[in-house]
Amino acid sequence: MIPQLPKWKWVVGVSAIVLLADLISKSIVMRTLEVNMPYRGDVFFHFTHQQNRGLIGGAFSGVPLVPIIAPLFALALLIYMYRYLDPQSRIQQIAYGVALGGAFGNQIERVFRQSVTDFLQFNFYFIPFDFPWKYYPSFNVADCGIVVGVLILAFSWQKEPKTNAPDTV
């Protein structure tokens, strides 16, 4: 049985695990892979060490302060959302911790390195027709945590029963 801990303890514990996994994986990539050199895993997936000075996919990399301020705003919004976690919902606490750990992982790197280390990449170049994300931007463990955590939170909040809905007879 999972112990009953206050929601903040689950959030802090899971955030710390995701943050450590992210920073350790980025450290390994920076020490072992050359920048911009793809290391093929297979047709669909490979490792590519890239230093992203912008936001998603390198957007706004040439605009001063946007890659620092926009994620800080998103992180502040995520921290504000803590008050809406259901204290009885372990899945919300874990999902929130995963997203928060990822957000802190990328922000720490942005502040101290002025870029974010991305290294996971999926390619769809074997598909014979063109579409916008045929070469998907590289990403990292923190990005996975943010996306997965926020999606699980959104679905869990969507599934919650409405407490102030009118009674139907």
C-alpha atoms as a PDB file:
ATOM      1  CA  MET A   1       0.000   0.000   0.000  1.00  0.00           C
ATOM      2  CA  ILE A   2       1.206   3.498  -0.863  1.00  0.00           C
ATOM      3  CA  PRO A   3       1.787   5.564   2.296  1.00  0.00           C
ATOM      4  CA  GLN A   4      -0.436   8.583   2.915  1.00  0.00           C
ATOM      5  CA  LEU A   5       1.856  11.579   2.611  1.00  0.00           C
ATOM      6  CA  PRO A   6       0.823  15.222   2.367  1.00  0.00           C
ATOM      7  CA  LYS A   7       0.488  16.255  -1.275  1.00  0.00           C
ATOM      8  CA  TRP A   8       3.535  18.528  -1.139  1.00  0.00           C
ATOM      9  CA  LYS A   9       5.786  15.603  -0.168  1.00  0.00           C
ATOM     10  CA  TRP A  10       4.728  13.616  -3.240  1.00  0.00           C
ATOM     11  CA  VAL A  11       5.212  16.668  -5.447  1.00  0.00           C
ATOM     12  CA  VAL A  12       8.664  17.462  -4.038  1.00  0.00           C
ATOM     13  CA  GLY A  13       9.810  13.824  -4.167  1.00  0.00           C
ATOM     14  CA  VAL A  14       8.681  13.217  -7.739  1.00  0.00           C
ATOM     15  CA  SER A  15      10.006  16.628  -8.868  1.00  0.00           C
ATOM     16  CA  ALA A  16      13.414  15.818  -7.391  1.00  0.00           C
ATOM     17  CA  ILE A  17      13.538  12.456  -9.184  1.00  0.00           C
ATOM     18  CA  VAL A  18      12.627  14.000 -12.559  1.00  0.00           C
ATOM     19  CA  LEU A  19      15.021  16.914 -12.025  1.00  0.00           C
ATOM     20  CA  LEU A  20      17.901  14.551 -11.192  1.00  0.00           C
ATOM     21  CA  ALA A  21      17.119  12.264 -14.144  1.00  0.00           C
ATOM     22  CA  ASP A  22      17.063  15.289 -16.443  1.00  0.00           C
ATOM     23  CA  LEU A  23      20.278  16.899 -15.192  1.00  0.00           C
ATOM     24  CA  ILE A  24      22.175  13.584 -15.093  1.00  0.00           C
ATOM     25  CA  SER A  25      21.074  12.642 -18.624  1.00  0.00           C
ATOM     26  CA  LYS A  26      22.087  16.081 -19.932  1.00  0.00           C
ATOM     27  CA  SER A  27      25.461  15.812 -18.187  1.00  0.00           C
ATOM     28  CA  ILE A  28      26.104  12.417 -19.798  1.00  0.00           C
ATOM     29  CA  VAL A  29      25.142  13.770 -23.229  1.00  0.00           C
ATOM     30  CA  MET A  30      27.392  16.835 -22.873  1.00  0.00           C
ATOM     31  CA  ARG A  31      30.361  14.635 -21.915  1.00  0.00           C
ATOM     32  CA  THR A  32      29.883  11.887 -24.499  1.00  0.00           C
ATOM     33  CA  LEU A  33      28.202  13.255 -27.654  1.00  0.00           C
ATOM     34  CA  GLU A  34      29.522  15.917 -29.985  1.00  0.00           C
ATOM     35  CA  VAL A  35      27.219  18.872 -30.609  1.00  0.00           C
ATOM     36  CA  ASN A  36      25.087  18.577 -33.776  1.00  0.00           C
ATOM     37  CA  MET A  37      26.380  15.093 -34.576  1.00  0.00           C
ATOM     38  CA  PRO A  38      23.536  12.568 -34.924  1.00  0.00           C
ATOM     39  CA  TYR A  39      24.087   9.141 -33.402  1.00  0.00           C
ATOM     40  CA  ARG A  40      21.602   6.905 -35.117  1.00  0.00           C
ATOM     41  CA  GLY A  41      19.633   4.406 -33.111  1.00  0.00           C
ATOM     42  CA  ASP A  42      17.374   3.209 -35.916  1.00  0.00           C
ATOM     43  CA  VAL A  43      15.311   4.586 -38.787  1.00  0.00           C
ATOM     44  CA  PHE A  44      12.797   6.242 -36.497  1.00  0.00           C
ATOM     45  CA  PHE A  45      14.826   7.418 -33.477  1.00  0.00           C
ATOM     46  CA  HIS A  46      18.334   8.666 -32.779  1.00  0.00           C
ATOM     47  CA  PHE A  47      20.378  10.770 -30.381  1.00  0.00           C
ATOM     48  CA  THR A  48      21.486  14.256 -31.438  1.00  0.00           C
ATOM     49  CA  HIS A  49      23.267  16.560 -28.992  1.00  0.00           C
ATOM     50  CA  GLN A  50      21.940  20.057 -29.594  1.00  0.00           C
ATOM     51  CA  GLN A  51      22.180  23.231 -27.560  1.00  0.00           C
ATOM     52  CA  ASN A  52      18.845  25.019 -27.808  1.00  0.00           C
ATOM     53  CA  ARG A  53      19.065  28.735 -27.034  1.00  0.00           C
ATOM     54  CA  GLY A  54      15.376  29.314 -27.725  1.00  0.00           C
ATOM     55  CA  LEU A  55      12.077  27.797 -26.744  1.00  0.00           C
ATOM     56  CA  ILE A  56      10.330  24.817 -28.349  1.00  0.00           C
ATOM     57  CA  GLY A  57      12.295  23.769 -31.420  1.00  0.00           C
ATOM     58  CA  GLY A  58      14.612  26.775 -31.057  1.00  0.00           C
ATOM     59  CA  ALA A  59      11.851  29.386 -31.481  1.00  0.00           C
ATOM     60  CA  PHE A  60      12.762  32.915 -30.337  1.00  0.00           C
ATOM     61  CA  SER A  61      16.448  32.017 -30.024  1.00  0.00           C
ATOM     62  CA  GLY A  62      17.456  35.405 -31.450  1.00  0.00           C
ATOM     63  CA  VAL A  63      15.119  37.459 -29.278  1.00  0.00           C
ATOM     64  CA  PRO A  64      16.810  38.669 -26.076  1.00  0.00           C
ATOM     65  CA  LEU A  65      15.256  37.601 -22.761  1.00  0.00           C
ATOM     66  CA  VAL A  66      12.239  35.762 -24.271  1.00  0.00           C
ATOM     67  CA  PRO A  67      13.811  32.306 -23.724  1.00  0.00           C
ATOM     68  CA  ILE A  68      14.309  33.232 -20.043  1.00  0.00           C
ATOM     69  CA  ILE A  69      11.120  35.198 -19.284  1.00  0.00           C
ATOM     70  CA  ALA A  70       8.545  33.002 -21.071  1.00  0.00           C
ATOM     71  CA  PRO A  71       9.572  29.796 -19.235  1.00  0.00           C
ATOM     72  CA  LEU A  72       9.679  31.699 -15.917  1.00  0.00           C
ATOM     73  CA  PHE A  73       6.102  32.812 -16.528  1.00  0.00           C
ATOM     74  CA  ALA A  74       5.088  29.218 -17.362  1.00  0.00           C
ATOM     75  CA  LEU A  75       6.876  27.958 -14.234  1.00  0.00           C
ATOM     76  CA  ALA A  76       5.098  30.565 -12.079  1.00  0.00           C
ATOM     77  CA  LEU A  77       1.768  29.490 -13.579  1.00  0.00           C
ATOM     78  CA  LEU A  78       2.582  25.857 -12.848  1.00  0.00           C
ATOM     79  CA  ILE A  79       3.471  26.707  -9.236  1.00  0.00           C
ATOM     80  CA  TYR A  80       0.206  28.656  -8.909  1.00  0.00           C
ATOM     81  CA  MET A  81      -1.728  25.595 -10.143  1.00  0.00           C
ATOM     82  CA  TYR A  82      -0.551  23.653  -7.068  1.00  0.00           C
ATOM     83  CA  ARG A  83      -3.525  24.967  -5.119  1.00  0.00           C
ATOM     84  CA  TYR A  84      -5.881  23.135  -7.485  1.00  0.00           C
ATOM     85  CA  LEU A  85      -4.432  19.686  -6.823  1.00  0.00           C
ATOM     86  CA  ASP A  86      -6.821  17.284  -5.183  1.00  0.00           C
ATOM     87  CA  PRO A  87      -5.148  16.204  -1.906  1.00  0.00           C
ATOM     88  CA  GLN A  88      -6.695  12.738  -2.359  1.00  0.00           C
ATOM     89  CA  SER A  89      -5.535  12.272  -5.970  1.00  0.00           C
ATOM     90  CA  ARG A  90      -2.124  10.615  -6.027  1.00  0.00           C
ATOM     91  CA  ILE A  91      -2.109  10.689  -9.853  1.00  0.00           C
ATOM     92  CA  GLN A  92      -2.473  14.492  -9.838  1.00  0.00           C
ATOM     93  CA  GLN A  93       0.312  14.875  -7.291  1.00  0.00           C
ATOM     94  CA  ILE A  94       2.662  12.636  -9.266  1.00  0.00           C
ATOM     95  CA  ALA A  95       1.780  14.239 -12.616  1.00  0.00           C
ATOM     96  CA  TYR A  96       2.296  17.697 -11.148  1.00  0.00           C
ATOM     97  CA  GLY A  97       5.656  16.640  -9.709  1.00  0.00           C
ATOM     98  CA  VAL A  98       6.747  15.246 -13.081  1.00  0.00           C
ATOM     99  CA  ALA A  99       5.827  18.498 -14.866  1.00  0.00           C
ATOM    100  CA  LEU A 100       7.401  20.688 -12.187  1.00  0.00           C
ATOM    101  CA  GLY A 101      10.639  18.681 -12.156  1.00  0.00           C
ATOM    102  CA  GLY A 102      10.879  19.024 -15.933  1.00  0.00           C
ATOM    103  CA  ALA A 103      10.180  22.748 -15.836  1.00  0.00           C
ATOM    104  CA  PHE A 104      12.873  23.300 -13.212  1.00  0.00           C
ATOM    105  CA  GLY A 105      15.339  21.118 -15.147  1.00  0.00           C
ATOM    106  CA  ASN A 106      15.111  23.222 -18.283  1.00  0.00           C
ATOM    107  CA  GLN A 107      15.026  26.525 -16.403  1.00  0.00           C
ATOM    108  CA  ILE A 108      18.129  25.692 -14.372  1.00  0.00           C
ATOM    109  CA  GLU A 109      20.006  25.037 -17.590  1.00  0.00           C
ATOM    110  CA  ARG A 110      18.689  28.208 -19.235  1.00  0.00           C
ATOM    111  CA  VAL A 111      19.844  30.338 -16.307  1.00  0.00           C
ATOM    112  CA  PHE A 112      23.275  28.755 -15.782  1.00  0.00           C
ATOM    113  CA  ARG A 113      24.200  27.706 -19.342  1.00  0.00           C
ATOM    114  CA  GLN A 114      22.104  30.112 -21.455  1.00  0.00           C
ATOM    115  CA  SER A 115      20.846  27.096 -23.432  1.00  0.00           C
ATOM    116  CA  VAL A 116      19.077  23.783 -22.951  1.00  0.00           C
ATOM    117  CA  THR A 117      20.656  20.458 -23.908  1.00  0.00           C
ATOM    118  CA  ASP A 118      18.362  18.459 -26.198  1.00  0.00           C
ATOM    119  CA  PHE A 119      19.315  14.993 -27.383  1.00  0.00           C
ATOM    120  CA  LEU A 120      16.315  12.779 -28.184  1.00  0.00           C
ATOM    121  CA  GLN A 121      14.974  12.942 -31.721  1.00  0.00           C
ATOM    122  CA  PHE A 122      12.339  11.170 -33.763  1.00  0.00           C
ATOM    123  CA  ASN A 123      12.445  11.400 -37.540  1.00  0.00           C
ATOM    124  CA  PHE A 124       9.777  10.532 -40.040  1.00  0.00           C
ATOM    125  CA  TYR A 125      11.999  11.020 -43.110  1.00  0.00           C
ATOM    126  CA  PHE A 126      11.135   7.539 -44.378  1.00  0.00           C
ATOM    127  CA  ILE A 127       7.555   8.696 -45.089  1.00  0.00           C
ATOM    128  CA  PRO A 128       7.344   9.477 -48.828  1.00  0.00           C
ATOM    129  CA  PHE A 129       5.305  12.701 -48.511  1.00  0.00           C
ATOM    130  CA  ASP A 130       6.088  16.008 -46.791  1.00  0.00           C
ATOM    131  CA  PHE A 131       4.459  17.272 -43.621  1.00  0.00           C
ATOM    132  CA  PRO A 132       5.540  20.004 -41.167  1.00  0.00           C
ATOM    133  CA  TRP A 133       7.171  17.826 -38.489  1.00  0.00           C
ATOM    134  CA  LYS A 134       8.876  15.277 -40.711  1.00  0.00           C
ATOM    135  CA  TYR A 135      12.065  16.042 -38.787  1.00  0.00           C
ATOM    136  CA  TYR A 136      10.785  16.431 -35.236  1.00  0.00           C
ATOM    137  CA  PRO A 137      12.779  18.881 -33.062  1.00  0.00           C
ATOM    138  CA  SER A 138      15.076  17.239 -30.536  1.00  0.00           C
ATOM    139  CA  PHE A 139      14.002  17.240 -26.907  1.00  0.00           C
ATOM    140  CA  ASN A 140      15.114  15.984 -23.476  1.00  0.00           C
ATOM    141  CA  VAL A 141      13.888  14.263 -20.302  1.00  0.00           C
ATOM    142  CA  ALA A 142      12.566  17.554 -18.887  1.00  0.00           C
ATOM    143  CA  ASP A 143      10.470  18.176 -21.997  1.00  0.00           C
ATOM    144  CA  CYS A 144       8.983  14.679 -21.676  1.00  0.00           C
ATOM    145  CA  GLY A 145       8.142  15.361 -18.040  1.00  0.00           C
ATOM    146  CA  ILE A 146       6.459  18.666 -18.812  1.00  0.00           C
ATOM    147  CA  VAL A 147       4.331  17.263 -21.634  1.00  0.00           C
ATOM    148  CA  VAL A 148       3.364  14.012 -19.905  1.00  0.00           C
ATOM    149  CA  GLY A 149       2.714  15.687 -16.539  1.00  0.00           C
ATOM    150  CA  VAL A 150       0.557  18.474 -17.974  1.00  0.00           C
ATOM    151  CA  LEU A 151      -1.431  16.056 -20.163  1.00  0.00           C
ATOM    152  CA  ILE A 152      -2.161  13.740 -17.233  1.00  0.00           C
ATOM    153  CA  LEU A 153      -3.160  16.728 -15.090  1.00  0.00           C
ATOM    154  CA  ALA A 154      -5.460  18.054 -17.807  1.00  0.00           C
ATOM    155  CA  PHE A 155      -7.149  14.677 -18.242  1.00  0.00           C
ATOM    156  CA  SER A 156      -7.470  14.129 -14.484  1.00  0.00           C
ATOM    157  CA  TRP A 157      -9.041  17.564 -13.984  1.00  0.00           C
ATOM    158  CA  GLN A 158     -11.366  16.908 -16.909  1.00  0.00           C
ATOM    159  CA  LYS A 159     -12.557  13.638 -15.337  1.00  0.00           C
ATOM    160  CA  GLU A 160     -13.295  15.147 -11.908  1.00  0.00           C
ATOM    161  CA  PRO A 161     -16.981  15.330 -11.006  1.00  0.00           C
ATOM    162  CA  LYS A 162     -18.352  18.843 -10.946  1.00  0.00           C
ATOM    163  CA  THR A 163     -19.086  19.700  -7.307  1.00  0.00           C
ATOM    164  CA  ASN A 164     -21.212  22.783  -7.933  1.00  0.00           C
ATOM    165  CA  ALA A 165     -23.278  21.367 -10.799  1.00  0.00           C
ATOM    166  CA  PRO A 166     -27.040  21.610 -10.301  1.00  0.00           C
ATOM    167  CA  ASP A 167     -28.765  18.491  -9.023  1.00  0.00           C
ATOM    168  CA  THR A 168     -30.929  16.668 -11.525  1.00  0.00           C
ATOM    169  CA  VAL A 169     -33.989  14.810 -10.410  1.00  0.00           C
END
